[in-house]
């Protein structure tokens, strides 16, 4: 599965099964770091196996514009962005 930074994904395995995330960083062919702004914040992204994720055909550019000096408001933006991407029909 070819994932890219900012890609919307759904967890299909683990404690976070059923939750939506954005790809924060692609580590290699097997692992990515994911964030959702709530349970997995920018300060501590989750390392997740790609095979445990379902790729959704929606990509956000918010990850590219993250300001490391103000992570609290950036986490809120990520949460809002995921919600907006899911509401788009």
C-alpha atoms as a PDB file:
ATOM      1  CA  UNK A   1       0.000   0.000   0.000  1.00  0.00           C
ATOM      2  CA  UNK A   2       1.414   3.358  -1.008  1.00  0.00           C
ATOM      3  CA  UNK A   3       0.787   5.969   1.699  1.00  0.00           C
ATOM      4  CA  UNK A   4       1.899   9.572   1.795  1.00  0.00           C
ATOM      5  CA  UNK A   5       2.204  12.327   4.356  1.00  0.00           C
ATOM      6  CA  UNK A   6      -1.205  13.808   5.163  1.00  0.00           C
ATOM      7  CA  UNK A   7      -3.131  10.732   3.960  1.00  0.00           C
ATOM      8  CA  UNK A   8      -6.329   9.969   5.879  1.00  0.00           C
ATOM      9  CA  UNK A   9      -6.343   6.393   7.190  1.00  0.00           C
ATOM     10  CA  UNK A  10      -8.517   4.209   9.406  1.00  0.00           C
ATOM     11  CA  UNK A  11      -7.036   1.810  11.941  1.00  0.00           C
ATOM     12  CA  UNK A  12      -8.227  -1.767  11.358  1.00  0.00           C
ATOM     13  CA  UNK A  13      -6.302  -3.458  14.198  1.00  0.00           C
ATOM     14  CA  UNK A  14      -5.166  -2.748  17.736  1.00  0.00           C
ATOM     15  CA  UNK A  15      -6.580  -0.708  20.613  1.00  0.00           C
ATOM     16  CA  UNK A  16      -7.304   2.163  18.234  1.00  0.00           C
ATOM     17  CA  UNK A  17      -9.333   0.012  15.799  1.00  0.00           C
ATOM     18  CA  UNK A  18     -11.968   2.080  14.008  1.00  0.00           C
ATOM     19  CA  UNK A  19     -10.307   5.445  14.656  1.00  0.00           C
ATOM     20  CA  UNK A  20      -9.199   7.844  11.934  1.00  0.00           C
ATOM     21  CA  UNK A  21      -5.716   9.347  11.666  1.00  0.00           C
ATOM     22  CA  UNK A  22      -3.514  11.392   9.373  1.00  0.00           C
ATOM     23  CA  UNK A  23      -0.119  10.061   8.305  1.00  0.00           C
ATOM     24  CA  UNK A  24       2.468  12.233  10.043  1.00  0.00           C
ATOM     25  CA  UNK A  25       5.571  10.518   8.679  1.00  0.00           C
ATOM     26  CA  UNK A  26       6.323   7.544   6.435  1.00  0.00           C
ATOM     27  CA  UNK A  27       9.130   5.571   8.103  1.00  0.00           C
ATOM     28  CA  UNK A  28       9.618   2.747   5.580  1.00  0.00           C
ATOM     29  CA  UNK A  29       7.596   0.197   3.578  1.00  0.00           C
ATOM     30  CA  UNK A  30       6.160  -1.312   6.772  1.00  0.00           C
ATOM     31  CA  UNK A  31       5.711   1.540   9.277  1.00  0.00           C
ATOM     32  CA  UNK A  32       4.261   5.047   9.492  1.00  0.00           C
ATOM     33  CA  UNK A  33       3.694   7.548  12.289  1.00  0.00           C
ATOM     34  CA  UNK A  34       0.079   8.655  12.696  1.00  0.00           C
ATOM     35  CA  UNK A  35      -1.697  11.452  14.584  1.00  0.00           C
ATOM     36  CA  UNK A  36      -5.301  12.436  15.256  1.00  0.00           C
ATOM     37  CA  UNK A  37      -4.829  15.467  17.516  1.00  0.00           C
ATOM     38  CA  UNK A  38      -6.614  13.828  20.483  1.00  0.00           C
ATOM     39  CA  UNK A  39      -5.341  10.441  21.629  1.00  0.00           C
ATOM     40  CA  UNK A  40      -2.294  10.621  19.361  1.00  0.00           C
ATOM     41  CA  UNK A  41      -0.938  14.120  19.414  1.00  0.00           C
ATOM     42  CA  UNK A  42       1.935  15.700  17.514  1.00  0.00           C
ATOM     43  CA  UNK A  43       4.119  15.488  20.613  1.00  0.00           C
ATOM     44  CA  UNK A  44       3.921  11.676  20.526  1.00  0.00           C
ATOM     45  CA  UNK A  45       2.756  10.220  17.198  1.00  0.00           C
ATOM     46  CA  UNK A  46       1.920   6.514  17.098  1.00  0.00           C
ATOM     47  CA  UNK A  47       4.188   4.138  15.212  1.00  0.00           C
ATOM     48  CA  UNK A  48       1.841   1.817  13.307  1.00  0.00           C
ATOM     49  CA  UNK A  49       2.278  -1.020  10.834  1.00  0.00           C
ATOM     50  CA  UNK A  50       0.879  -0.117   7.440  1.00  0.00           C
ATOM     51  CA  UNK A  51      -0.880  -3.488   7.172  1.00  0.00           C
ATOM     52  CA  UNK A  52      -3.028  -2.433  10.165  1.00  0.00           C
ATOM     53  CA  UNK A  53      -4.358   0.634   8.340  1.00  0.00           C
ATOM     54  CA  UNK A  54      -7.027   1.142   5.700  1.00  0.00           C
ATOM     55  CA  UNK A  55      -6.109   3.826   3.175  1.00  0.00           C
ATOM     56  CA  UNK A  56      -8.789   6.408   2.414  1.00  0.00           C
ATOM     57  CA  UNK A  57      -8.551   8.467  -0.758  1.00  0.00           C
ATOM     58  CA  UNK A  58      -8.344  11.807   1.015  1.00  0.00           C
ATOM     59  CA  UNK A  59      -5.180  13.791   1.628  1.00  0.00           C
ATOM     60  CA  UNK A  60      -4.664  16.884   3.769  1.00  0.00           C
ATOM     61  CA  UNK A  61      -1.861  19.405   3.404  1.00  0.00           C
ATOM     62  CA  UNK A  62      -2.090  20.402   7.089  1.00  0.00           C
ATOM     63  CA  UNK A  63       0.826  18.135   8.073  1.00  0.00           C
ATOM     64  CA  UNK A  64       3.134  20.098   5.764  1.00  0.00           C
ATOM     65  CA  UNK A  65       2.232  23.389   7.494  1.00  0.00           C
ATOM     66  CA  UNK A  66       2.702  22.339  11.130  1.00  0.00           C
ATOM     67  CA  UNK A  67       4.301  24.951  13.366  1.00  0.00           C
ATOM     68  CA  UNK A  68       6.369  23.106  15.998  1.00  0.00           C
ATOM     69  CA  UNK A  69       6.204  26.123  18.338  1.00  0.00           C
ATOM     70  CA  UNK A  70       2.439  25.898  18.848  1.00  0.00           C
ATOM     71  CA  UNK A  71       1.553  22.209  18.975  1.00  0.00           C
ATOM     72  CA  UNK A  72      -1.616  22.639  21.059  1.00  0.00           C
ATOM     73  CA  UNK A  73      -3.407  24.658  18.394  1.00  0.00           C
ATOM     74  CA  UNK A  74      -1.923  22.419  15.679  1.00  0.00           C
ATOM     75  CA  UNK A  75      -3.463  19.354  17.367  1.00  0.00           C
ATOM     76  CA  UNK A  76      -6.860  21.075  17.320  1.00  0.00           C
ATOM     77  CA  UNK A  77      -6.419  21.830  13.617  1.00  0.00           C
ATOM     78  CA  UNK A  78      -5.620  18.183  12.907  1.00  0.00           C
ATOM     79  CA  UNK A  79      -8.733  17.032  14.774  1.00  0.00           C
ATOM     80  CA  UNK A  80     -10.845  19.541  12.830  1.00  0.00           C
ATOM     81  CA  UNK A  81      -9.231  18.548   9.529  1.00  0.00           C
ATOM     82  CA  UNK A  82      -9.993  14.843  10.067  1.00  0.00           C
ATOM     83  CA  UNK A  83     -13.592  15.717  10.904  1.00  0.00           C
ATOM     84  CA  UNK A  84     -13.879  17.885   7.779  1.00  0.00           C
ATOM     85  CA  UNK A  85     -12.407  15.178   5.544  1.00  0.00           C
ATOM     86  CA  UNK A  86     -14.880  12.627   6.899  1.00  0.00           C
ATOM     87  CA  UNK A  87     -17.873  14.954   6.407  1.00  0.00           C
ATOM     88  CA  UNK A  88     -17.112  15.676   2.746  1.00  0.00           C
ATOM     89  CA  UNK A  89     -19.418  13.600   0.573  1.00  0.00           C
END
